[in-house]
Protein backbone atom coordinates (compact mmCIF):
# COMPACT_ATOMS: atom_id res chain seq x y z
CA MET A 1 65.25 129.46 93.81
CA ALA A 2 67.39 129.83 96.87
CA THR A 3 71.12 129.24 96.46
CA ARG A 4 73.63 128.03 98.98
CA PRO A 5 77.16 129.19 99.56
CA LEU A 6 79.74 126.93 97.99
CA ASN A 7 81.07 125.96 101.39
CA GLU A 8 77.74 124.75 102.82
CA PRO A 9 77.20 120.94 102.63
CA THR A 10 74.35 119.87 100.41
CA ARG A 11 73.02 117.48 103.02
CA PRO A 12 73.76 116.80 106.70
CA SER A 13 76.50 114.26 107.43
CA ALA A 14 75.45 110.76 108.48
CA ILE A 15 77.95 110.67 111.30
CA PRO A 16 76.04 112.95 113.70
CA ALA A 17 72.79 111.20 112.84
CA PHE A 18 74.01 107.62 113.27
CA GLY A 19 77.29 107.91 115.10
CA ALA A 20 80.66 106.63 113.91
CA PRO A 21 80.69 103.07 112.32
CA PRO A 22 81.76 100.27 114.66
CA ALA A 23 85.55 99.69 114.81
CA GLU A 24 85.17 96.16 113.31
CA SER A 25 83.53 97.76 110.22
CA ILE A 26 86.40 100.15 109.81
CA HIS A 27 88.87 97.32 110.20
CA ALA A 28 87.00 95.20 107.58
CA ILE A 29 86.99 98.10 105.08
CA ALA A 30 90.66 98.74 105.68
CA ASP A 31 91.53 95.01 105.09
CA ARG A 32 89.55 95.05 101.82
CA LEU A 33 91.36 98.21 100.63
CA ILE A 34 94.79 96.83 101.49
CA ASP A 35 93.96 93.57 99.59
CA SER A 36 92.50 95.30 96.53
CA ASP A 37 93.88 96.40 93.22
CA GLY A 38 92.59 99.19 90.98
CA ILE A 39 90.93 101.24 93.75
CA LEU A 40 89.10 104.38 92.69
CA PHE A 41 87.70 106.90 95.23
CA VAL A 42 84.90 108.98 93.86
CA CYS A 43 84.63 112.08 96.08
CA GLY A 44 81.87 114.68 96.16
CA LYS A 45 82.26 118.33 97.02
CA ASP A 46 81.67 117.61 100.73
CA VAL A 47 85.18 116.26 100.93
CA VAL A 48 86.42 119.69 99.94
CA THR A 49 83.98 121.71 102.08
CA CYS A 50 84.62 119.58 105.16
CA GLY A 51 88.33 119.98 104.78
CA ALA A 52 89.06 116.28 104.19
CA VAL A 53 91.13 116.58 101.02
CA ASP A 54 94.46 115.93 102.76
CA ASP A 55 92.95 112.85 104.61
CA VAL A 56 91.52 111.47 101.41
CA ALA A 57 94.76 112.12 99.58
CA ALA A 58 96.80 110.33 102.29
CA LEU A 59 94.53 107.33 102.33
CA ALA A 60 94.71 107.20 98.49
CA ARG A 61 98.48 107.21 98.65
CA GLU A 62 98.52 104.57 101.33
CA VAL A 63 96.34 102.12 99.36
CA GLY A 64 97.43 103.13 95.86
CA ALA A 65 94.04 104.50 94.84
CA ALA A 66 93.14 107.01 92.13
CA VAL A 67 90.78 109.83 93.13
CA VAL A 68 88.20 111.61 91.02
CA SER A 69 85.92 114.46 92.07
CA GLU A 70 83.05 116.50 90.94
CA PRO A 71 83.90 118.84 88.02
CA TRP A 72 83.71 122.05 90.12
CA ALA A 73 86.12 120.62 92.60
CA GLY A 74 88.50 119.46 89.87
CA ILE A 75 90.89 122.22 90.85
CA VAL A 76 91.99 120.13 93.81
CA ALA A 77 95.06 118.26 92.76
CA PHE A 78 94.71 114.72 94.04
CA PRO A 79 97.83 112.60 93.47
CA THR A 80 97.67 109.55 91.26
CA PRO A 81 99.56 106.37 91.93
């Protein structure tokens, strides 16, 4: 069985395949997050390997979300509201 390095994504990102989502979709998601309570972000290891931890943490702080991650990535200290 072949193994991958820890920093190699497990699957290709959807963004190159399908392009970025339309701006109206991003705005709709942002509006829902702002109007929601008890938000939980469940992040896979790709957040870490793609270098998006700071971005996810900033978004979580902005909307008051808690963040959980896969056990191996549990060493990343996401803030809690």
